[in-house]
Amino acid sequence: MNLIDLAAIAIIALFVLNGIYKGFMSTLLSIGAYFVSVIFGFIFIRPGASFIMGHKRLFNMMLYYTEGSEFIVNPEYVRTELSSLSTADINGIIESARLPFPMGREIAENIAKEAFADQGIVTLGDYFNQTIVCTFINILVFLLVFALVRLILGLIINGADYADPFPVLRAHDGLLGGALGLVRGMLALFLIFMLVPIVLTVLGQFDLITNMVDDSVMAGLFYRLN
């Protein structure tokens, strides 16, 4: 157990306490708002990503900071065209690159589908760059849309509760609220751990951060299964 695990446990504990304080109904509505926000997040990934990619300056800035080709161990492969590499060669290069999850999987899938061929992208380095920056953008768009929708729904829920307080169960309301708070905490951690591949991509050169994620028990659940 390391600092990441302790922070995750602290976050869950805060959500449990919040659930006990707010009660069953309010916490249940918050969980409902979470899932509605997730749906909106997925709906707006494509148009949001297209909007960002349409702004060359913003896109190039993100491409600069992610720079996926830097993960390729042998620089000679960066400008090598995919047509000159075998599947075994590509898989070996991806494996040796020590990419943060799920970047390696996404790169392999995009190469197999020739996902960027219509953009004239044919080199291995460019596939690394384009895949990682697109994944980076998709995650950011999802989280931004989620946060905006969740904020709006939170204001509505809190306003409704203030105008006409939600009914309180006579028995075990706080206990049930705490149980739902536990669920909220776990859902919140799935969102937080969505940022891990971005952090590892930008700061992957710092072995301390990578090792902390690899050694974390919570990362095995909320990151690897995200």
C-alpha atoms as a PDB file:
ATOM      1  CA  MET A   1       0.000   0.000   0.000  1.00  0.00           C
ATOM      2  CA  ASN A   2       1.421   3.390  -1.025  1.00  0.00           C
ATOM      3  CA  LEU A   3       0.369   7.044  -1.194  1.00  0.00           C
ATOM      4  CA  ILE A   4      -2.007   6.404  -4.103  1.00  0.00           C
ATOM      5  CA  ASP A   5      -3.836   3.727  -2.089  1.00  0.00           C
ATOM      6  CA  LEU A   6      -4.035   5.944   0.984  1.00  0.00           C
ATOM      7  CA  ALA A   7      -5.405   8.845  -1.075  1.00  0.00           C
ATOM      8  CA  ALA A   8      -7.997   6.555  -2.699  1.00  0.00           C
ATOM      9  CA  ILE A   9      -9.112   5.233   0.705  1.00  0.00           C
ATOM     10  CA  ALA A  10      -9.386   8.810   2.012  1.00  0.00           C
ATOM     11  CA  ILE A  11     -11.577   9.793  -0.966  1.00  0.00           C
ATOM     12  CA  ILE A  12     -13.891   6.819  -0.409  1.00  0.00           C
ATOM     13  CA  ALA A  13     -14.102   7.656   3.307  1.00  0.00           C
ATOM     14  CA  LEU A  14     -15.099  11.250   2.513  1.00  0.00           C
ATOM     15  CA  PHE A  15     -17.873  10.062   0.206  1.00  0.00           C
ATOM     16  CA  VAL A  16     -19.131   7.635   2.863  1.00  0.00           C
ATOM     17  CA  LEU A  17     -19.253  10.417   5.454  1.00  0.00           C
ATOM     18  CA  ASN A  18     -20.984  12.681   2.959  1.00  0.00           C
ATOM     19  CA  GLY A  19     -23.557   9.954   2.298  1.00  0.00           C
ATOM     20  CA  ILE A  20     -24.203   9.522   6.018  1.00  0.00           C
ATOM     21  CA  TYR A  21     -24.678  13.271   6.372  1.00  0.00           C
ATOM     22  CA  LYS A  22     -26.907  13.773   3.311  1.00  0.00           C
ATOM     23  CA  GLY A  23     -28.926  10.591   3.672  1.00  0.00           C
ATOM     24  CA  PHE A  24     -30.234   7.944   1.323  1.00  0.00           C
ATOM     25  CA  MET A  25     -32.372   9.926  -1.142  1.00  0.00           C
ATOM     26  CA  SER A  26     -29.913  12.733  -1.811  1.00  0.00           C
ATOM     27  CA  THR A  27     -27.039  10.295  -2.307  1.00  0.00           C
ATOM     28  CA  LEU A  28     -29.173   8.115  -4.584  1.00  0.00           C
ATOM     29  CA  LEU A  29     -29.980  11.125  -6.779  1.00  0.00           C
ATOM     30  CA  SER A  30     -26.274  11.996  -6.892  1.00  0.00           C
ATOM     31  CA  ILE A  31     -25.485   8.518  -8.205  1.00  0.00           C
ATOM     32  CA  GLY A  32     -28.220   8.938 -10.819  1.00  0.00           C
ATOM     33  CA  ALA A  33     -26.689  12.267 -11.815  1.00  0.00           C
ATOM     34  CA  TYR A  34     -23.334  10.508 -12.180  1.00  0.00           C
ATOM     35  CA  PHE A  35     -24.688   8.044 -14.736  1.00  0.00           C
ATOM     36  CA  VAL A  36     -26.538  10.751 -16.656  1.00  0.00           C
ATOM     37  CA  SER A  37     -23.285  12.734 -16.799  1.00  0.00           C
ATOM     38  CA  VAL A  38     -21.409   9.667 -18.037  1.00  0.00           C
ATOM     39  CA  ILE A  39     -23.924   9.222 -20.865  1.00  0.00           C
ATOM     40  CA  PHE A  40     -23.533  12.857 -21.912  1.00  0.00           C
ATOM     41  CA  GLY A  41     -19.765  12.473 -21.699  1.00  0.00           C
ATOM     42  CA  PHE A  42     -19.788   9.587 -24.173  1.00  0.00           C
ATOM     43  CA  ILE A  43     -22.239  11.354 -26.482  1.00  0.00           C
ATOM     44  CA  PHE A  44     -20.048  14.443 -26.791  1.00  0.00           C
ATOM     45  CA  ILE A  45     -16.646  12.732 -27.108  1.00  0.00           C
ATOM     46  CA  ARG A  46     -16.695  12.715 -30.911  1.00  0.00           C
ATOM     47  CA  PRO A  47     -17.930  16.292 -31.540  1.00  0.00           C
ATOM     48  CA  GLY A  48     -15.770  17.623 -28.710  1.00  0.00           C
ATOM     49  CA  ALA A  49     -12.658  15.877 -30.013  1.00  0.00           C
ATOM     50  CA  SER A  50     -13.400  17.060 -33.556  1.00  0.00           C
ATOM     51  CA  PHE A  51     -13.680  20.622 -32.266  1.00  0.00           C
ATOM     52  CA  ILE A  52     -10.277  20.451 -30.577  1.00  0.00           C
ATOM     53  CA  MET A  53      -8.595  18.770 -33.535  1.00  0.00           C
ATOM     54  CA  GLY A  54     -10.006  21.474 -35.797  1.00  0.00           C
ATOM     55  CA  HIS A  55      -7.988  24.095 -33.906  1.00  0.00           C
ATOM     56  CA  LYS A  56      -4.453  23.472 -35.152  1.00  0.00           C
ATOM     57  CA  ARG A  57      -2.725  25.525 -32.472  1.00  0.00           C
ATOM     58  CA  LEU A  58      -4.469  23.735 -29.596  1.00  0.00           C
ATOM     59  CA  PHE A  59      -4.047  20.333 -31.211  1.00  0.00           C
ATOM     60  CA  ASN A  60      -0.356  20.898 -31.943  1.00  0.00           C
ATOM     61  CA  MET A  61       0.200  21.983 -28.340  1.00  0.00           C
ATOM     62  CA  MET A  62      -1.329  18.729 -27.095  1.00  0.00           C
ATOM     63  CA  LEU A  63       0.667  16.783 -29.664  1.00  0.00           C
ATOM     64  CA  TYR A  64       3.849  18.460 -28.413  1.00  0.00           C
ATOM     65  CA  TYR A  65       3.238  17.583 -24.761  1.00  0.00           C
ATOM     66  CA  THR A  66       2.220  13.970 -25.424  1.00  0.00           C
ATOM     67  CA  GLU A  67       4.888  13.199 -28.104  1.00  0.00           C
ATOM     68  CA  GLY A  68       4.142   9.485 -28.283  1.00  0.00           C
ATOM     69  CA  SER A  69       7.070   8.640 -30.555  1.00  0.00           C
ATOM     70  CA  GLU A  70       9.458   9.358 -27.669  1.00  0.00           C
ATOM     71  CA  PHE A  71       8.383   6.041 -26.162  1.00  0.00           C
ATOM     72  CA  ILE A  72       9.954   4.132 -29.072  1.00  0.00           C
ATOM     73  CA  VAL A  73      13.234   2.773 -27.710  1.00  0.00           C
ATOM     74  CA  ASN A  74      15.079   2.602 -31.038  1.00  0.00           C
ATOM     75  CA  PRO A  75      14.900   6.033 -32.769  1.00  0.00           C
ATOM     76  CA  GLU A  76      15.429   4.371 -36.160  1.00  0.00           C
ATOM     77  CA  TYR A  77      11.892   3.020 -36.044  1.00  0.00           C
ATOM     78  CA  VAL A  78      10.289   6.441 -35.555  1.00  0.00           C
ATOM     79  CA  ARG A  79      10.314   7.282 -39.282  1.00  0.00           C
ATOM     80  CA  THR A  80       9.952   3.698 -40.480  1.00  0.00           C
ATOM     81  CA  GLU A  81       6.880   3.048 -42.600  1.00  0.00           C
ATOM     82  CA  LEU A  82       4.495   0.413 -41.300  1.00  0.00           C
ATOM     83  CA  SER A  83       4.578  -1.455 -44.610  1.00  0.00           C
ATOM     84  CA  SER A  84       8.227  -2.339 -43.989  1.00  0.00           C
ATOM     85  CA  LEU A  85       7.576  -3.826 -40.564  1.00  0.00           C
ATOM     86  CA  SER A  86       6.073  -7.215 -39.726  1.00  0.00           C
ATOM     87  CA  THR A  87       3.360  -7.681 -37.141  1.00  0.00           C
ATOM     88  CA  ALA A  88       5.913  -9.330 -34.855  1.00  0.00           C
ATOM     89  CA  ASP A  89       8.237  -6.328 -35.248  1.00  0.00           C
ATOM     90  CA  ILE A  90       5.449  -3.880 -34.398  1.00  0.00           C
ATOM     91  CA  ASN A  91       4.295  -5.889 -31.383  1.00  0.00           C
ATOM     92  CA  GLY A  92       7.887  -6.102 -30.125  1.00  0.00           C
ATOM     93  CA  ILE A  93       8.392  -2.350 -30.484  1.00  0.00           C
ATOM     94  CA  ILE A  94       5.136  -1.590 -28.671  1.00  0.00           C
ATOM     95  CA  GLU A  95       6.002  -4.017 -25.876  1.00  0.00           C
ATOM     96  CA  SER A  96       9.471  -2.542 -25.374  1.00  0.00           C
ATOM     97  CA  ALA A  97       8.077   1.013 -25.351  1.00  0.00           C
ATOM     98  CA  ARG A  98       6.597   0.568 -21.844  1.00  0.00           C
ATOM     99  CA  LEU A  99       3.578   2.681 -22.727  1.00  0.00           C
ATOM    100  CA  PRO A 100       1.020   3.568 -20.066  1.00  0.00           C
ATOM    101  CA  PHE A 101      -2.157   1.526 -20.214  1.00  0.00           C
ATOM    102  CA  PRO A 102      -4.164   1.533 -22.519  1.00  0.00           C
ATOM    103  CA  MET A 103      -1.937   3.354 -25.036  1.00  0.00           C
ATOM    104  CA  GLY A 104      -0.125   0.256 -26.281  1.00  0.00           C
ATOM    105  CA  ARG A 105      -3.376  -1.567 -26.965  1.00  0.00           C
ATOM    106  CA  GLU A 106      -4.828   1.441 -28.796  1.00  0.00           C
ATOM    107  CA  ILE A 107      -1.720   1.858 -30.966  1.00  0.00           C
ATOM    108  CA  ALA A 108      -1.755  -1.835 -31.931  1.00  0.00           C
ATOM    109  CA  GLU A 109      -5.443  -1.657 -32.853  1.00  0.00           C
ATOM    110  CA  ASN A 110      -5.019   1.529 -34.893  1.00  0.00           C
ATOM    111  CA  ILE A 111      -2.076   0.059 -36.793  1.00  0.00           C
ATOM    112  CA  ALA A 112      -4.015  -3.117 -37.512  1.00  0.00           C
ATOM    113  CA  LYS A 113      -6.951  -1.063 -38.857  1.00  0.00           C
ATOM    114  CA  GLU A 114      -4.729   1.504 -40.580  1.00  0.00           C
ATOM    115  CA  ALA A 115      -6.893   4.043 -38.779  1.00  0.00           C
ATOM    116  CA  PHE A 116      -4.982   7.122 -39.968  1.00  0.00           C
ATOM    117  CA  ALA A 117      -4.232   6.066 -43.539  1.00  0.00           C
ATOM    118  CA  ASP A 118      -6.738   8.605 -44.897  1.00  0.00           C
ATOM    119  CA  GLN A 119      -4.682  11.351 -43.221  1.00  0.00           C
ATOM    120  CA  GLY A 120      -1.494  10.257 -44.957  1.00  0.00           C
ATOM    121  CA  ILE A 121      -0.006   8.877 -41.737  1.00  0.00           C
ATOM    122  CA  VAL A 122       2.141   5.852 -42.566  1.00  0.00           C
ATOM    123  CA  THR A 123       5.134   5.865 -40.178  1.00  0.00           C
ATOM    124  CA  LEU A 124       5.319   4.086 -36.856  1.00  0.00           C
ATOM    125  CA  GLY A 125       6.268   7.246 -34.962  1.00  0.00           C
ATOM    126  CA  ASP A 126       3.292   9.152 -36.340  1.00  0.00           C
ATOM    127  CA  TYR A 127       0.944   6.332 -35.332  1.00  0.00           C
ATOM    128  CA  PHE A 128       2.328   6.546 -31.800  1.00  0.00           C
ATOM    129  CA  ASN A 129       1.883  10.322 -31.803  1.00  0.00           C
ATOM    130  CA  GLN A 130      -1.594  10.383 -33.313  1.00  0.00           C
ATOM    131  CA  THR A 131      -3.009   7.544 -31.215  1.00  0.00           C
ATOM    132  CA  ILE A 132      -1.774   8.936 -27.930  1.00  0.00           C
ATOM    133  CA  VAL A 133      -2.892  12.515 -28.595  1.00  0.00           C
ATOM    134  CA  CYS A 134      -6.342  11.292 -29.721  1.00  0.00           C
ATOM    135  CA  THR A 135      -6.704   9.167 -26.580  1.00  0.00           C
ATOM    136  CA  PHE A 136      -5.526  12.156 -24.542  1.00  0.00           C
ATOM    137  CA  ILE A 137      -8.159  14.400 -26.159  1.00  0.00           C
ATOM    138  CA  ASN A 138     -10.969  11.847 -25.799  1.00  0.00           C
ATOM    139  CA  ILE A 139     -10.321  11.453 -22.084  1.00  0.00           C
ATOM    140  CA  LEU A 140     -10.192  15.218 -21.514  1.00  0.00           C
ATOM    141  CA  VAL A 141     -13.382  15.853 -23.496  1.00  0.00           C
ATOM    142  CA  PHE A 142     -15.228  13.122 -21.607  1.00  0.00           C
ATOM    143  CA  LEU A 143     -14.143  14.441 -18.212  1.00  0.00           C
ATOM    144  CA  LEU A 144     -14.913  18.070 -19.075  1.00  0.00           C
ATOM    145  CA  VAL A 145     -18.412  17.252 -20.346  1.00  0.00           C
ATOM    146  CA  PHE A 146     -18.996  15.003 -17.350  1.00  0.00           C
ATOM    147  CA  ALA A 147     -17.930  17.739 -14.929  1.00  0.00           C
ATOM    148  CA  LEU A 148     -20.148  20.353 -16.594  1.00  0.00           C
ATOM    149  CA  VAL A 149     -23.271  18.169 -16.694  1.00  0.00           C
ATOM    150  CA  ARG A 150     -22.644  16.908 -13.156  1.00  0.00           C
ATOM    151  CA  LEU A 151     -22.310  20.479 -11.911  1.00  0.00           C
ATOM    152  CA  ILE A 152     -25.615  21.496 -13.495  1.00  0.00           C
ATOM    153  CA  LEU A 153     -27.431  18.430 -12.153  1.00  0.00           C
ATOM    154  CA  GLY A 154     -25.873  18.981  -8.725  1.00  0.00           C
ATOM    155  CA  LEU A 155     -27.215  22.524  -8.618  1.00  0.00           C
ATOM    156  CA  ILE A 156     -30.678  21.268  -9.591  1.00  0.00           C
ATOM    157  CA  ILE A 157     -30.633  18.517  -6.958  1.00  0.00           C
ATOM    158  CA  ASN A 158     -29.392  20.835  -4.216  1.00  0.00           C
ATOM    159  CA  GLY A 159     -31.921  23.507  -5.198  1.00  0.00           C
ATOM    160  CA  ALA A 160     -34.784  21.020  -5.106  1.00  0.00           C
ATOM    161  CA  ASP A 161     -33.641  19.719  -1.729  1.00  0.00           C
ATOM    162  CA  TYR A 162     -33.420  23.263  -0.363  1.00  0.00           C
ATOM    163  CA  ALA A 163     -36.914  24.181  -1.620  1.00  0.00           C
ATOM    164  CA  ASP A 164     -38.552  20.968  -0.465  1.00  0.00           C
ATOM    165  CA  PRO A 165     -36.265  18.719   1.600  1.00  0.00           C
ATOM    166  CA  PHE A 166     -36.139  15.111   0.454  1.00  0.00           C
ATOM    167  CA  PRO A 167     -37.954  12.611   2.669  1.00  0.00           C
ATOM    168  CA  VAL A 168     -35.806  10.906   5.288  1.00  0.00           C
ATOM    169  CA  LEU A 169     -36.209   7.223   6.066  1.00  0.00           C
ATOM    170  CA  ARG A 170     -37.136   6.795   9.681  1.00  0.00           C
ATOM    171  CA  ALA A 171     -34.631   4.028  10.298  1.00  0.00           C
ATOM    172  CA  HIS A 172     -31.107   3.590   9.035  1.00  0.00           C
ATOM    173  CA  ASP A 173     -31.259   6.573   6.661  1.00  0.00           C
ATOM    174  CA  GLY A 174     -27.696   7.573   7.473  1.00  0.00           C
ATOM    175  CA  LEU A 175     -26.474   3.977   7.215  1.00  0.00           C
ATOM    176  CA  LEU A 176     -28.050   3.510   3.794  1.00  0.00           C
ATOM    177  CA  GLY A 177     -26.728   6.906   2.720  1.00  0.00           C
ATOM    178  CA  GLY A 178     -23.250   5.838   3.815  1.00  0.00           C
ATOM    179  CA  ALA A 179     -23.521   2.616   1.778  1.00  0.00           C
ATOM    180  CA  LEU A 180     -24.473   4.612  -1.300  1.00  0.00           C
ATOM    181  CA  GLY A 181     -21.664   7.019  -0.437  1.00  0.00           C
ATOM    182  CA  LEU A 182     -19.287   4.063  -0.710  1.00  0.00           C
ATOM    183  CA  VAL A 183     -20.633   3.415  -4.216  1.00  0.00           C
ATOM    184  CA  ARG A 184     -20.231   7.119  -5.090  1.00  0.00           C
ATOM    185  CA  GLY A 185     -16.656   7.050  -3.851  1.00  0.00           C
ATOM    186  CA  MET A 186     -15.785   4.070  -6.021  1.00  0.00           C
ATOM    187  CA  LEU A 187     -17.414   5.672  -9.061  1.00  0.00           C
ATOM    188  CA  ALA A 188     -15.486   8.879  -8.376  1.00  0.00           C
ATOM    189  CA  LEU A 189     -12.219   6.924  -8.285  1.00  0.00           C
ATOM    190  CA  PHE A 190     -12.923   5.457 -11.715  1.00  0.00           C
ATOM    191  CA  LEU A 191     -13.167   9.033 -12.991  1.00  0.00           C
ATOM    192  CA  ILE A 192     -10.031  10.185 -11.195  1.00  0.00           C
ATOM    193  CA  PHE A 193      -8.015   7.235 -12.447  1.00  0.00           C
ATOM    194  CA  MET A 194      -9.020   8.113 -16.018  1.00  0.00           C
ATOM    195  CA  LEU A 195      -6.394  10.848 -15.697  1.00  0.00           C
ATOM    196  CA  VAL A 196      -3.606   8.350 -14.968  1.00  0.00           C
ATOM    197  CA  PRO A 197      -2.717   7.570 -18.624  1.00  0.00           C
ATOM    198  CA  ILE A 198      -2.494  11.312 -19.295  1.00  0.00           C
ATOM    199  CA  VAL A 199      -0.222  11.835 -16.282  1.00  0.00           C
ATOM    200  CA  LEU A 200       1.965   8.856 -17.197  1.00  0.00           C
ATOM    201  CA  THR A 201       2.206  10.007 -20.810  1.00  0.00           C
ATOM    202  CA  VAL A 202       3.289  13.532 -19.897  1.00  0.00           C
ATOM    203  CA  LEU A 203       5.400  12.585 -16.867  1.00  0.00           C
ATOM    204  CA  GLY A 204       6.314   9.031 -17.827  1.00  0.00           C
ATOM    205  CA  GLN A 205      10.020   9.833 -17.662  1.00  0.00           C
ATOM    206  CA  PHE A 206       9.743  10.006 -13.879  1.00  0.00           C
ATOM    207  CA  ASP A 207      10.077   6.390 -12.766  1.00  0.00           C
ATOM    208  CA  LEU A 208       8.847   7.280  -9.275  1.00  0.00           C
ATOM    209  CA  ILE A 209       5.349   8.061 -10.568  1.00  0.00           C
ATOM    210  CA  THR A 210       5.232   4.994 -12.816  1.00  0.00           C
ATOM    211  CA  ASN A 211       6.409   2.733  -9.997  1.00  0.00           C
ATOM    212  CA  MET A 212       3.826   4.161  -7.603  1.00  0.00           C
ATOM    213  CA  VAL A 213       1.045   3.355 -10.065  1.00  0.00           C
ATOM    214  CA  ASP A 214       2.436  -0.120 -10.741  1.00  0.00           C
ATOM    215  CA  ASP A 215       2.700  -0.878  -7.006  1.00  0.00           C
ATOM    216  CA  SER A 216      -0.723   0.510  -6.101  1.00  0.00           C
ATOM    217  CA  VAL A 217      -3.441  -1.975  -5.159  1.00  0.00           C
ATOM    218  CA  MET A 218      -6.165   0.546  -6.005  1.00  0.00           C
ATOM    219  CA  ALA A 219      -4.668   1.210  -9.443  1.00  0.00           C
ATOM    220  CA  GLY A 220      -5.162  -2.461 -10.247  1.00  0.00           C
ATOM    221  CA  LEU A 221      -8.901  -1.989  -9.845  1.00  0.00           C
ATOM    222  CA  PHE A 222      -9.694   1.588 -10.773  1.00  0.00           C
ATOM    223  CA  TYR A 223      -7.061   2.060 -13.496  1.00  0.00           C
ATOM    224  CA  ARG A 224      -6.392  -1.294 -15.133  1.00  0.00           C
ATOM    225  CA  LEU A 225     -10.125  -2.160 -15.236  1.00  0.00           C
ATOM    226  CA  ASN A 226     -11.269   1.363 -16.116  1.00  0.00           C
END
